[in-house]
Amino acid sequence: MSSRADGAELVQLGRRVLEQEAGAVAALAHRLDARFADAVRLLLECRGRIVVSGVGKSGVIARKIAATLTSTGTPATFLHAVDSVHGDLGIVGRDDAAILISKSGETDELFGLVGYLKRLGVRIVAITGDLQSTLAKHADVALDAAVQSEACTLDLAPTTSTTVALALGDALAVALFEAKGFKAEDFARLHPGGALGRRLLLLVRDVMVTEKLPSIGPDAPMRECVILLAERRGTVAVVGPQGVVIGVVTAGDLTRLMEKRDDFLGLPVREVMTRTPKLARPGELASSAINTLEKHGIMAMPVVDDHDHLVGIVHLHDLMRAGAA
């Protein structure tokens, strides 16, 4: 078999694994029922932390689920099932709840922890591939994470089953933060470091231009506006008598006007301006401003206060340089 054939065969193998795991997750979505809602409500009622545990590869998935819960506003901690019965049970409190993960539902190392949780009155959500298992029977809510087979050709290595358990954990985390009304600002407070924190914490007021703002009245001639467009980066806000932004003229508007007529310099700005300009607010997330600019294909927006008075101009290039995207 040639190396080229080897490569094609390997690609096909990769596709088979991905398709099998994707199919298992899709099947899980169709099987999801009222027990999922019961699990979410149980976790919402928890006044302490969510303790997440599993053994082996399920333990790795448990650690990731705990991290996802914590990063989305639900305090959680990973507890190694074996270590738990050798001195680590002290981190579990009566106000906590637990998510326990086991494909078979018969993992011996989990049952010492299950017994302690039951004695303490901690409510348990089980993620298991067997709803008739011992773990499922002792749980307050058991979620079906069954798979037909593992992606491993020997049907031994945890692959499809761990993918399904992980997806179900993500579904719980997202449902919880949606139910709690978790917002981008809340996410930002929990992720202050690195590029993600900068992007989520950055506001329009942090980036907008506030000095020598390019503004003009609606009755001014276009010759004055052309000078401002050239001097102030191609966007001019049109401000009415009460100081309210009533329009905008951009370099693009000028280009289109020049293509239509030569005698435009004496035209009043009101005949050229866009009368429904896109506006930003100082307290708006910078990432939201980028979305608006890119969606409408514009390079800058006037920034206005609560009374629509001009307080700044925000430019796409400035937002990008500030790391808002």
C-alpha atoms as a PDB file:
ATOM      1  CA  MET A   1       0.000   0.000   0.000  1.00  0.00           C
ATOM      2  CA  SER A   2       1.464   3.340  -1.055  1.00  0.00           C
ATOM      3  CA  SER A   3       1.968   6.244   1.313  1.00  0.00           C
ATOM      4  CA  ARG A   4      -0.693   8.125  -0.631  1.00  0.00           C
ATOM      5  CA  ALA A   5      -3.147   5.261  -0.044  1.00  0.00           C
ATOM      6  CA  ASP A   6      -2.128   5.246   3.615  1.00  0.00           C
ATOM      7  CA  GLY A   7      -3.007   8.917   3.860  1.00  0.00           C
ATOM      8  CA  ALA A   8      -6.408   8.440   2.235  1.00  0.00           C
ATOM      9  CA  GLU A   9      -7.169   5.526   4.520  1.00  0.00           C
ATOM     10  CA  LEU A  10      -6.203   7.543   7.592  1.00  0.00           C
ATOM     11  CA  VAL A  11      -8.434  10.424   6.526  1.00  0.00           C
ATOM     12  CA  GLN A  12     -11.309   8.004   6.046  1.00  0.00           C
ATOM     13  CA  LEU A  13     -10.673   6.562   9.501  1.00  0.00           C
ATOM     14  CA  GLY A  14     -10.740  10.045  11.006  1.00  0.00           C
ATOM     15  CA  ARG A  15     -14.014  10.795   9.244  1.00  0.00           C
ATOM     16  CA  ARG A  16     -15.548   7.578  10.529  1.00  0.00           C
ATOM     17  CA  VAL A  17     -14.697   8.475  14.113  1.00  0.00           C
ATOM     18  CA  LEU A  18     -16.029  12.014  13.782  1.00  0.00           C
ATOM     19  CA  GLU A  19     -19.212  10.849  12.075  1.00  0.00           C
ATOM     20  CA  GLN A  20     -19.812   8.179  14.698  1.00  0.00           C
ATOM     21  CA  GLU A  21     -19.318  10.592  17.585  1.00  0.00           C
ATOM     22  CA  ALA A  22     -21.415  13.289  15.898  1.00  0.00           C
ATOM     23  CA  GLY A  23     -24.155  10.737  15.319  1.00  0.00           C
ATOM     24  CA  ALA A  24     -24.082   9.707  18.975  1.00  0.00           C
ATOM     25  CA  VAL A  25     -24.444  13.314  20.116  1.00  0.00           C
ATOM     26  CA  ALA A  26     -27.307  13.861  17.642  1.00  0.00           C
ATOM     27  CA  ALA A  27     -29.038  10.723  18.942  1.00  0.00           C
ATOM     28  CA  LEU A  28     -28.581  12.019  22.490  1.00  0.00           C
ATOM     29  CA  ALA A  29     -30.273  15.291  21.534  1.00  0.00           C
ATOM     30  CA  HIS A  30     -33.317  13.386  20.272  1.00  0.00           C
ATOM     31  CA  ARG A  31     -33.499  11.321  23.475  1.00  0.00           C
ATOM     32  CA  LEU A  32     -33.280  14.301  25.821  1.00  0.00           C
ATOM     33  CA  ASP A  33     -36.425  14.428  27.928  1.00  0.00           C
ATOM     34  CA  ALA A  34     -37.970  15.863  31.098  1.00  0.00           C
ATOM     35  CA  ARG A  35     -35.178  14.356  33.199  1.00  0.00           C
ATOM     36  CA  PHE A  36     -32.819  16.963  31.751  1.00  0.00           C
ATOM     37  CA  ALA A  37     -35.105  19.760  32.971  1.00  0.00           C
ATOM     38  CA  ASP A  38     -35.279  18.034  36.375  1.00  0.00           C
ATOM     39  CA  ALA A  39     -31.474  17.968  36.513  1.00  0.00           C
ATOM     40  CA  VAL A  40     -31.193  21.644  35.631  1.00  0.00           C
ATOM     41  CA  ARG A  41     -33.752  22.585  38.295  1.00  0.00           C
ATOM     42  CA  LEU A  42     -31.916  20.455  40.872  1.00  0.00           C
ATOM     43  CA  LEU A  43     -28.651  22.230  40.110  1.00  0.00           C
ATOM     44  CA  LEU A  44     -30.330  25.647  40.095  1.00  0.00           C
ATOM     45  CA  GLU A  45     -31.620  25.008  43.601  1.00  0.00           C
ATOM     46  CA  CYS A  46     -28.128  24.186  44.892  1.00  0.00           C
ATOM     47  CA  ARG A  47     -27.021  26.797  47.435  1.00  0.00           C
ATOM     48  CA  GLY A  48     -23.442  25.540  47.566  1.00  0.00           C
ATOM     49  CA  ARG A  49     -21.131  24.185  44.892  1.00  0.00           C
ATOM     50  CA  ILE A  50     -21.564  21.517  42.255  1.00  0.00           C
ATOM     51  CA  VAL A  51     -19.184  18.641  42.960  1.00  0.00           C
ATOM     52  CA  VAL A  52     -18.338  16.767  39.742  1.00  0.00           C
ATOM     53  CA  SER A  53     -16.698  13.354  39.835  1.00  0.00           C
ATOM     54  CA  GLY A  54     -15.828  10.319  37.763  1.00  0.00           C
ATOM     55  CA  VAL A  55     -13.141   7.679  37.437  1.00  0.00           C
ATOM     56  CA  GLY A  56     -10.586   7.264  34.646  1.00  0.00           C
ATOM     57  CA  LYS A  57     -11.563   9.004  31.409  1.00  0.00           C
ATOM     58  CA  SER A  58     -14.901   9.925  32.979  1.00  0.00           C
ATOM     59  CA  GLY A  59     -12.868  11.756  35.606  1.00  0.00           C
ATOM     60  CA  VAL A  60     -11.167  13.792  32.881  1.00  0.00           C
ATOM     61  CA  ILE A  61     -14.590  14.716  31.490  1.00  0.00           C
ATOM     62  CA  ALA A  62     -15.786  15.552  35.010  1.00  0.00           C
ATOM     63  CA  ARG A  63     -12.875  17.951  35.462  1.00  0.00           C
ATOM     64  CA  LYS A  64     -13.757  19.744  32.218  1.00  0.00           C
ATOM     65  CA  ILE A  65     -17.463  19.981  33.120  1.00  0.00           C
ATOM     66  CA  ALA A  66     -16.568  21.473  36.505  1.00  0.00           C
ATOM     67  CA  ALA A  67     -14.384  24.054  34.766  1.00  0.00           C
ATOM     68  CA  THR A  68     -17.154  24.947  32.311  1.00  0.00           C
ATOM     69  CA  LEU A  69     -19.711  25.333  35.094  1.00  0.00           C
ATOM     70  CA  THR A  70     -17.379  27.586  37.072  1.00  0.00           C
ATOM     71  CA  SER A  71     -16.538  29.776  34.081  1.00  0.00           C
ATOM     72  CA  THR A  72     -20.234  30.300  33.324  1.00  0.00           C
ATOM     73  CA  GLY A  73     -21.304  31.413  36.779  1.00  0.00           C
ATOM     74  CA  THR A  74     -22.069  28.126  38.558  1.00  0.00           C
ATOM     75  CA  PRO A  75     -19.485  27.447  41.297  1.00  0.00           C
ATOM     76  CA  ALA A  76     -18.192  23.908  40.831  1.00  0.00           C
ATOM     77  CA  THR A  77     -15.256  21.736  41.791  1.00  0.00           C
ATOM     78  CA  PHE A  78     -13.814  18.485  40.543  1.00  0.00           C
ATOM     79  CA  LEU A  79     -13.458  15.731  43.148  1.00  0.00           C
ATOM     80  CA  HIS A  80     -11.469  12.607  42.330  1.00  0.00           C
ATOM     81  CA  ALA A  81     -13.661   9.673  43.302  1.00  0.00           C
ATOM     82  CA  VAL A  82     -10.787   7.616  44.733  1.00  0.00           C
ATOM     83  CA  ASP A  83      -9.175  10.505  46.595  1.00  0.00           C
ATOM     84  CA  SER A  84     -12.567  11.476  47.998  1.00  0.00           C
ATOM     85  CA  VAL A  85     -12.674   8.456  50.298  1.00  0.00           C
ATOM     86  CA  HIS A  86      -9.055   8.972  51.338  1.00  0.00           C
ATOM     87  CA  GLY A  87      -9.364  12.358  52.980  1.00  0.00           C
ATOM     88  CA  ASP A  88     -10.843  14.716  50.375  1.00  0.00           C
ATOM     89  CA  LEU A  89     -14.501  14.457  51.395  1.00  0.00           C
ATOM     90  CA  GLY A  90     -14.081  17.517  53.568  1.00  0.00           C
ATOM     91  CA  ILE A  91     -14.652  19.775  50.575  1.00  0.00           C
ATOM     92  CA  VAL A  92     -18.244  18.546  50.244  1.00  0.00           C
ATOM     93  CA  GLY A  93     -20.914  20.458  52.172  1.00  0.00           C
ATOM     94  CA  ARG A  94     -24.588  19.810  52.895  1.00  0.00           C
ATOM     95  CA  ASP A  95     -25.634  22.639  50.568  1.00  0.00           C
ATOM     96  CA  ASP A  96     -23.755  21.147  47.617  1.00  0.00           C
ATOM     97  CA  ALA A  97     -25.049  19.049  44.732  1.00  0.00           C
ATOM     98  CA  ALA A  98     -23.162  16.437  42.714  1.00  0.00           C
ATOM     99  CA  ILE A  99     -22.781  15.324  39.123  1.00  0.00           C
ATOM    100  CA  LEU A 100     -21.355  11.800  38.897  1.00  0.00           C
ATOM    101  CA  ILE A 101     -20.236  10.319  35.589  1.00  0.00           C
ATOM    102  CA  SER A 102     -19.937   6.625  34.756  1.00  0.00           C
ATOM    103  CA  LYS A 103     -20.576   4.848  31.457  1.00  0.00           C
ATOM    104  CA  SER A 104     -21.510   1.580  33.110  1.00  0.00           C
ATOM    105  CA  GLY A 105     -23.015   3.048  36.263  1.00  0.00           C
ATOM    106  CA  GLU A 106     -21.257   0.240  38.115  1.00  0.00           C
ATOM    107  CA  THR A 107     -17.887   1.854  38.809  1.00  0.00           C
ATOM    108  CA  ASP A 108     -16.898   0.488  42.217  1.00  0.00           C
ATOM    109  CA  GLU A 109     -14.666   3.444  43.059  1.00  0.00           C
ATOM    110  CA  LEU A 110     -17.667   5.782  42.879  1.00  0.00           C
ATOM    111  CA  PHE A 111     -19.823   4.036  45.425  1.00  0.00           C
ATOM    112  CA  GLY A 112     -17.880   5.117  48.503  1.00  0.00           C
ATOM    113  CA  LEU A 113     -18.487   8.697  47.393  1.00  0.00           C
ATOM    114  CA  VAL A 114     -22.150   7.967  46.601  1.00  0.00           C
ATOM    115  CA  GLY A 115     -22.690   6.593  50.092  1.00  0.00           C
ATOM    116  CA  TYR A 116     -21.161   9.661  51.722  1.00  0.00           C
ATOM    117  CA  LEU A 117     -23.180  12.043  49.541  1.00  0.00           C
ATOM    118  CA  LYS A 118     -26.398  10.229  50.417  1.00  0.00           C
ATOM    119  CA  ARG A 119     -25.636  10.360  54.152  1.00  0.00           C
ATOM    120  CA  LEU A 120     -24.940  14.074  53.859  1.00  0.00           C
ATOM    121  CA  GLY A 121     -28.168  14.694  51.946  1.00  0.00           C
ATOM    122  CA  VAL A 122     -26.355  15.920  48.823  1.00  0.00           C
ATOM    123  CA  ARG A 123     -28.536  15.524  45.741  1.00  0.00           C
ATOM    124  CA  ILE A 124     -27.018  13.637  42.826  1.00  0.00           C
ATOM    125  CA  VAL A 125     -27.301  13.948  39.047  1.00  0.00           C
ATOM    126  CA  ALA A 126     -25.911  10.866  37.309  1.00  0.00           C
ATOM    127  CA  ILE A 127     -24.623  10.874  33.723  1.00  0.00           C
ATOM    128  CA  THR A 128     -24.549   7.223  32.757  1.00  0.00           C
ATOM    129  CA  GLY A 129     -24.902   4.868  29.842  1.00  0.00           C
ATOM    130  CA  ASP A 130     -27.210   2.543  31.794  1.00  0.00           C
ATOM    131  CA  LEU A 131     -30.366   3.900  33.409  1.00  0.00           C
ATOM    132  CA  GLN A 132     -30.857   0.570  35.198  1.00  0.00           C
ATOM    133  CA  SER A 133     -27.426   0.705  36.828  1.00  0.00           C
ATOM    134  CA  THR A 134     -26.682   1.012  40.532  1.00  0.00           C
ATOM    135  CA  LEU A 135     -25.530   4.608  40.108  1.00  0.00           C
ATOM    136  CA  ALA A 136     -28.718   5.564  38.254  1.00  0.00           C
ATOM    137  CA  LYS A 137     -30.885   4.000  40.955  1.00  0.00           C
ATOM    138  CA  HIS A 138     -29.145   5.917  43.742  1.00  0.00           C
ATOM    139  CA  ALA A 139     -29.178   9.254  41.892  1.00  0.00           C
ATOM    140  CA  ASP A 140     -31.920  11.842  42.300  1.00  0.00           C
ATOM    141  CA  VAL A 141     -31.882  12.342  38.523  1.00  0.00           C
ATOM    142  CA  ALA A 142     -30.224   9.999  36.025  1.00  0.00           C
ATOM    143  CA  LEU A 143     -29.420  11.292  32.543  1.00  0.00           C
ATOM    144  CA  ASP A 144     -29.168   8.881  29.630  1.00  0.00           C
ATOM    145  CA  ALA A 145     -25.708   9.015  28.028  1.00  0.00           C
ATOM    146  CA  ALA A 146     -25.841   5.610  26.326  1.00  0.00           C
ATOM    147  CA  VAL A 147     -23.949   4.942  23.084  1.00  0.00           C
ATOM    148  CA  GLN A 148     -24.185   1.981  20.742  1.00  0.00           C
ATOM    149  CA  SER A 149     -20.421   1.511  20.604  1.00  0.00           C
ATOM    150  CA  GLU A 150     -17.137   3.285  21.080  1.00  0.00           C
ATOM    151  CA  ALA A 151     -15.354   4.805  18.078  1.00  0.00           C
ATOM    152  CA  CYS A 152     -12.412   2.565  18.945  1.00  0.00           C
ATOM    153  CA  THR A 153     -12.487  -0.396  16.525  1.00  0.00           C
ATOM    154  CA  LEU A 154     -12.137  -2.756  19.511  1.00  0.00           C
ATOM    155  CA  ASP A 155     -15.097  -1.024  21.232  1.00  0.00           C
ATOM    156  CA  LEU A 156     -12.925  -0.642  24.324  1.00  0.00           C
ATOM    157  CA  ALA A 157     -11.294   2.784  24.583  1.00  0.00           C
ATOM    158  CA  PRO A 158     -13.662   5.460  25.938  1.00  0.00           C
ATOM    159  CA  THR A 159     -14.235   7.694  22.910  1.00  0.00           C
ATOM    160  CA  THR A 160     -17.849   8.091  21.824  1.00  0.00           C
ATOM    161  CA  SER A 161     -19.069   7.653  25.402  1.00  0.00           C
ATOM    162  CA  THR A 162     -16.829  10.419  26.762  1.00  0.00           C
ATOM    163  CA  THR A 163     -17.813  12.740  23.904  1.00  0.00           C
ATOM    164  CA  VAL A 164     -21.494  12.200  24.733  1.00  0.00           C
ATOM    165  CA  ALA A 165     -20.885  12.760  28.462  1.00  0.00           C
ATOM    166  CA  LEU A 166     -18.966  15.953  27.714  1.00  0.00           C
ATOM    167  CA  ALA A 167     -21.717  17.247  25.413  1.00  0.00           C
ATOM    168  CA  LEU A 168     -24.336  16.513  28.062  1.00  0.00           C
ATOM    169  CA  GLY A 169     -22.261  18.392  30.645  1.00  0.00           C
ATOM    170  CA  ASP A 170     -22.004  21.358  28.288  1.00  0.00           C
ATOM    171  CA  ALA A 171     -25.771  21.267  27.795  1.00  0.00           C
ATOM    172  CA  LEU A 172     -26.279  21.414  31.567  1.00  0.00           C
ATOM    173  CA  ALA A 173     -23.834  24.320  31.936  1.00  0.00           C
ATOM    174  CA  VAL A 174     -25.427  26.354  29.150  1.00  0.00           C
ATOM    175  CA  ALA A 175     -28.964  25.672  30.384  1.00  0.00           C
ATOM    176  CA  LEU A 176     -27.907  26.790  33.866  1.00  0.00           C
ATOM    177  CA  PHE A 177     -26.357  30.067  32.781  1.00  0.00           C
ATOM    178  CA  GLU A 178     -29.300  30.813  30.483  1.00  0.00           C
ATOM    179  CA  ALA A 179     -31.730  30.143  33.326  1.00  0.00           C
ATOM    180  CA  LYS A 180     -29.695  32.429  35.603  1.00  0.00           C
ATOM    181  CA  GLY A 181     -29.638  35.254  33.039  1.00  0.00           C
ATOM    182  CA  PHE A 182     -25.836  35.086  32.794  1.00  0.00           C
ATOM    183  CA  LYS A 183     -24.594  37.908  30.507  1.00  0.00           C
ATOM    184  CA  ALA A 184     -21.438  38.746  28.587  1.00  0.00           C
ATOM    185  CA  GLU A 185     -20.498  41.217  31.323  1.00  0.00           C
ATOM    186  CA  ASP A 186     -20.695  38.419  33.915  1.00  0.00           C
ATOM    187  CA  PHE A 187     -18.527  36.210  31.712  1.00  0.00           C
ATOM    188  CA  ALA A 188     -16.012  39.030  31.407  1.00  0.00           C
ATOM    189  CA  ARG A 189     -15.703  39.384  35.181  1.00  0.00           C
ATOM    190  CA  LEU A 190     -14.787  35.705  35.416  1.00  0.00           C
ATOM    191  CA  HIS A 191     -12.244  35.940  32.562  1.00  0.00           C
ATOM    192  CA  PRO A 192     -10.260  39.129  33.231  1.00  0.00           C
ATOM    193  CA  GLY A 193      -6.949  37.814  31.927  1.00  0.00           C
ATOM    194  CA  GLY A 194      -5.611  37.558  28.388  1.00  0.00           C
ATOM    195  CA  ALA A 195      -7.195  38.429  25.063  1.00  0.00           C
ATOM    196  CA  LEU A 196     -10.611  37.102  26.055  1.00  0.00           C
ATOM    197  CA  GLY A 197     -10.781  39.344  29.082  1.00  0.00           C
ATOM    198  CA  ARG A 198      -9.672  42.379  27.099  1.00  0.00           C
ATOM    199  CA  ARG A 199     -12.267  41.729  24.427  1.00  0.00           C
ATOM    200  CA  LEU A 200     -15.115  41.265  26.867  1.00  0.00           C
ATOM    201  CA  LEU A 201     -14.251  44.102  29.229  1.00  0.00           C
ATOM    202  CA  LEU A 202     -13.475  46.737  26.602  1.00  0.00           C
ATOM    203  CA  LEU A 203     -16.187  49.376  26.162  1.00  0.00           C
ATOM    204  CA  VAL A 204     -16.784  51.881  23.375  1.00  0.00           C
ATOM    205  CA  ARG A 205     -15.820  54.731  25.718  1.00  0.00           C
ATOM    206  CA  ASP A 206     -12.368  53.162  26.093  1.00  0.00           C
ATOM    207  CA  VAL A 207     -11.676  53.403  22.363  1.00  0.00           C
ATOM    208  CA  MET A 208     -13.743  56.269  20.942  1.00  0.00           C
ATOM    209  CA  VAL A 209     -12.239  59.555  19.733  1.00  0.00           C
ATOM    210  CA  THR A 210     -13.428  62.486  21.854  1.00  0.00           C
ATOM    211  CA  GLU A 211     -11.313  65.429  20.686  1.00  0.00           C
ATOM    212  CA  LYS A 212     -11.892  67.593  17.586  1.00  0.00           C
ATOM    213  CA  LEU A 213     -15.035  65.665  16.756  1.00  0.00           C
ATOM    214  CA  PRO A 214     -16.006  65.936  13.066  1.00  0.00           C
ATOM    215  CA  SER A 215     -19.485  67.437  13.142  1.00  0.00           C
ATOM    216  CA  ILE A 216     -21.412  69.784  10.879  1.00  0.00           C
ATOM    217  CA  GLY A 217     -24.861  71.322  10.632  1.00  0.00           C
ATOM    218  CA  PRO A 218     -27.412  70.068   8.096  1.00  0.00           C
ATOM    219  CA  ASP A 219     -27.543  73.415   6.236  1.00  0.00           C
ATOM    220  CA  ALA A 220     -23.779  73.718   5.779  1.00  0.00           C
ATOM    221  CA  PRO A 221     -22.516  73.321   2.177  1.00  0.00           C
ATOM    222  CA  MET A 222     -20.858  70.092   1.160  1.00  0.00           C
ATOM    223  CA  ARG A 223     -17.552  71.921   0.491  1.00  0.00           C
ATOM    224  CA  GLU A 224     -17.157  72.316   4.282  1.00  0.00           C
ATOM    225  CA  CYS A 225     -18.055  68.673   4.824  1.00  0.00           C
ATOM    226  CA  VAL A 226     -15.474  67.526   2.251  1.00  0.00           C
ATOM    227  CA  ILE A 227     -12.730  69.267   4.227  1.00  0.00           C
ATOM    228  CA  LEU A 228     -13.831  67.534   7.445  1.00  0.00           C
ATOM    229  CA  LEU A 229     -13.985  64.148   5.701  1.00  0.00           C
ATOM    230  CA  ALA A 230     -10.411  64.590   4.523  1.00  0.00           C
ATOM    231  CA  GLU A 231      -9.120  65.779   7.900  1.00  0.00           C
ATOM    232  CA  ARG A 232     -11.080  63.493  10.258  1.00  0.00           C
ATOM    233  CA  ARG A 233     -10.823  59.965   8.905  1.00  0.00           C
ATOM    234  CA  GLY A 234     -13.775  59.875   6.551  1.00  0.00           C
ATOM    235  CA  THR A 235     -16.810  60.168   8.845  1.00  0.00           C
ATOM    236  CA  VAL A 236     -18.693  63.344   9.778  1.00  0.00           C
ATOM    237  CA  ALA A 237     -21.653  63.489  12.159  1.00  0.00           C
ATOM    238  CA  VAL A 238     -24.498  65.805  11.209  1.00  0.00           C
ATOM    239  CA  VAL A 239     -25.810  67.616  14.286  1.00  0.00           C
ATOM    240  CA  GLY A 240     -29.130  69.462  14.517  1.00  0.00           C
ATOM    241  CA  PRO A 241     -29.889  72.736  16.339  1.00  0.00           C
ATOM    242  CA  GLN A 242     -30.469  70.958  19.675  1.00  0.00           C
ATOM    243  CA  GLY A 243     -27.118  69.167  19.460  1.00  0.00           C
ATOM    244  CA  VAL A 244     -28.725  65.857  18.489  1.00  0.00           C
ATOM    245  CA  VAL A 245     -27.093  63.642  15.859  1.00  0.00           C
ATOM    246  CA  ILE A 246     -29.532  63.523  12.949  1.00  0.00           C
ATOM    247  CA  GLY A 247     -27.342  62.028  10.233  1.00  0.00           C
ATOM    248  CA  VAL A 248     -23.895  61.076   9.038  1.00  0.00           C
ATOM    249  CA  VAL A 249     -21.807  61.657   5.923  1.00  0.00           C
ATOM    250  CA  THR A 250     -18.996  59.242   5.047  1.00  0.00           C
ATOM    251  CA  ALA A 251     -16.254  59.092   2.462  1.00  0.00           C
ATOM    252  CA  GLY A 252     -18.361  56.450   0.737  1.00  0.00           C
ATOM    253  CA  ASP A 253     -21.273  58.876   0.496  1.00  0.00           C
ATOM    254  CA  LEU A 254     -18.942  61.445  -1.059  1.00  0.00           C
ATOM    255  CA  THR A 255     -17.623  58.952  -3.613  1.00  0.00           C
ATOM    256  CA  ARG A 256     -21.119  57.980  -4.697  1.00  0.00           C
ATOM    257  CA  LEU A 257     -22.119  61.650  -4.943  1.00  0.00           C
ATOM    258  CA  MET A 258     -19.119  62.512  -7.119  1.00  0.00           C
ATOM    259  CA  GLU A 259     -20.025  59.694  -9.501  1.00  0.00           C
ATOM    260  CA  LYS A 260     -23.496  61.172  -9.978  1.00  0.00           C
ATOM    261  CA  ARG A 261     -22.800  64.900 -10.355  1.00  0.00           C
ATOM    262  CA  ASP A 262     -20.008  67.448 -10.589  1.00  0.00           C
ATOM    263  CA  ASP A 263     -21.727  70.442  -8.973  1.00  0.00           C
ATOM    264  CA  PHE A 264     -22.082  68.994  -5.488  1.00  0.00           C
ATOM    265  CA  LEU A 265     -19.945  71.370  -3.432  1.00  0.00           C
ATOM    266  CA  GLY A 266     -22.793  73.855  -2.960  1.00  0.00           C
ATOM    267  CA  LEU A 267     -25.355  71.243  -1.950  1.00  0.00           C
ATOM    268  CA  PRO A 268     -26.544  71.412   1.666  1.00  0.00           C
ATOM    269  CA  VAL A 269     -25.332  68.514   3.774  1.00  0.00           C
ATOM    270  CA  ARG A 270     -28.925  67.456   4.522  1.00  0.00           C
ATOM    271  CA  GLU A 271     -29.360  66.390   0.886  1.00  0.00           C
ATOM    272  CA  VAL A 272     -26.412  64.019   1.080  1.00  0.00           C
ATOM    273  CA  MET A 273     -26.399  62.680   4.642  1.00  0.00           C
ATOM    274  CA  THR A 274     -27.672  59.293   5.739  1.00  0.00           C
ATOM    275  CA  ARG A 275     -30.712  60.138   7.856  1.00  0.00           C
ATOM    276  CA  THR A 276     -30.777  56.920   9.878  1.00  0.00           C
ATOM    277  CA  PRO A 277     -27.160  56.550  10.986  1.00  0.00           C
ATOM    278  CA  LYS A 278     -25.872  53.680  13.058  1.00  0.00           C
ATOM    279  CA  LEU A 279     -25.005  54.975  16.520  1.00  0.00           C
ATOM    280  CA  ALA A 280     -22.992  53.601  19.429  1.00  0.00           C
ATOM    281  CA  ARG A 281     -23.232  54.289  23.160  1.00  0.00           C
ATOM    282  CA  PRO A 282     -20.227  54.871  25.445  1.00  0.00           C
ATOM    283  CA  GLY A 283     -21.145  51.980  27.748  1.00  0.00           C
ATOM    284  CA  GLU A 284     -21.684  49.524  24.908  1.00  0.00           C
ATOM    285  CA  LEU A 285     -19.296  46.587  24.617  1.00  0.00           C
ATOM    286  CA  ALA A 286     -16.633  47.282  22.021  1.00  0.00           C
ATOM    287  CA  SER A 287     -17.226  43.820  20.541  1.00  0.00           C
ATOM    288  CA  SER A 288     -20.862  44.764  19.950  1.00  0.00           C
ATOM    289  CA  ALA A 289     -19.785  47.928  18.120  1.00  0.00           C
ATOM    290  CA  ILE A 290     -17.524  45.849  15.885  1.00  0.00           C
ATOM    291  CA  ASN A 291     -20.446  43.585  15.064  1.00  0.00           C
ATOM    292  CA  THR A 292     -22.560  46.580  14.003  1.00  0.00           C
ATOM    293  CA  LEU A 293     -19.792  48.101  11.890  1.00  0.00           C
ATOM    294  CA  GLU A 294     -18.987  44.851  10.110  1.00  0.00           C
ATOM    295  CA  LYS A 295     -22.641  43.910   9.624  1.00  0.00           C
ATOM    296  CA  HIS A 296     -23.407  47.200   7.865  1.00  0.00           C
ATOM    297  CA  GLY A 297     -20.079  47.583   6.077  1.00  0.00           C
ATOM    298  CA  ILE A 298     -19.120  50.896   7.669  1.00  0.00           C
ATOM    299  CA  MET A 299     -15.832  52.070   9.126  1.00  0.00           C
ATOM    300  CA  ALA A 300     -16.974  54.381  11.921  1.00  0.00           C
ATOM    301  CA  MET A 301     -19.992  55.441  13.968  1.00  0.00           C
ATOM    302  CA  PRO A 302     -20.933  58.505  15.998  1.00  0.00           C
ATOM    303  CA  VAL A 303     -21.117  57.801  19.732  1.00  0.00           C
ATOM    304  CA  VAL A 304     -24.020  59.501  21.498  1.00  0.00           C
ATOM    305  CA  ASP A 305     -25.223  59.910  25.080  1.00  0.00           C
ATOM    306  CA  ASP A 306     -28.700  59.087  26.402  1.00  0.00           C
ATOM    307  CA  HIS A 307     -30.050  62.243  24.731  1.00  0.00           C
ATOM    308  CA  ASP A 308     -28.407  61.411  21.366  1.00  0.00           C
ATOM    309  CA  HIS A 309     -25.868  64.220  21.747  1.00  0.00           C
ATOM    310  CA  LEU A 310     -22.516  63.598  20.045  1.00  0.00           C
ATOM    311  CA  VAL A 311     -19.813  62.559  22.538  1.00  0.00           C
ATOM    312  CA  GLY A 312     -17.369  60.691  20.297  1.00  0.00           C
ATOM    313  CA  ILE A 313     -16.587  58.759  17.135  1.00  0.00           C
ATOM    314  CA  VAL A 314     -15.604  55.085  17.201  1.00  0.00           C
ATOM    315  CA  HIS A 315     -13.527  53.676  14.325  1.00  0.00           C
ATOM    316  CA  LEU A 316     -13.269  50.015  13.329  1.00  0.00           C
ATOM    317  CA  HIS A 317      -9.476  50.174  13.044  1.00  0.00           C
ATOM    318  CA  ASP A 318      -9.178  51.549  16.582  1.00  0.00           C
ATOM    319  CA  LEU A 319     -11.404  48.780  17.902  1.00  0.00           C
ATOM    320  CA  MET A 320      -9.344  46.126  16.163  1.00  0.00           C
ATOM    321  CA  ARG A 321      -6.062  47.584  17.424  1.00  0.00           C
ATOM    322  CA  ALA A 322      -7.452  47.622  20.965  1.00  0.00           C
ATOM    323  CA  GLY A 323      -8.098  43.883  20.764  1.00  0.00           C
ATOM    324  CA  ALA A 324     -11.909  44.084  20.805  1.00  0.00           C
ATOM    325  CA  ALA A 325     -12.186  41.341  18.174  1.00  0.00           C
END
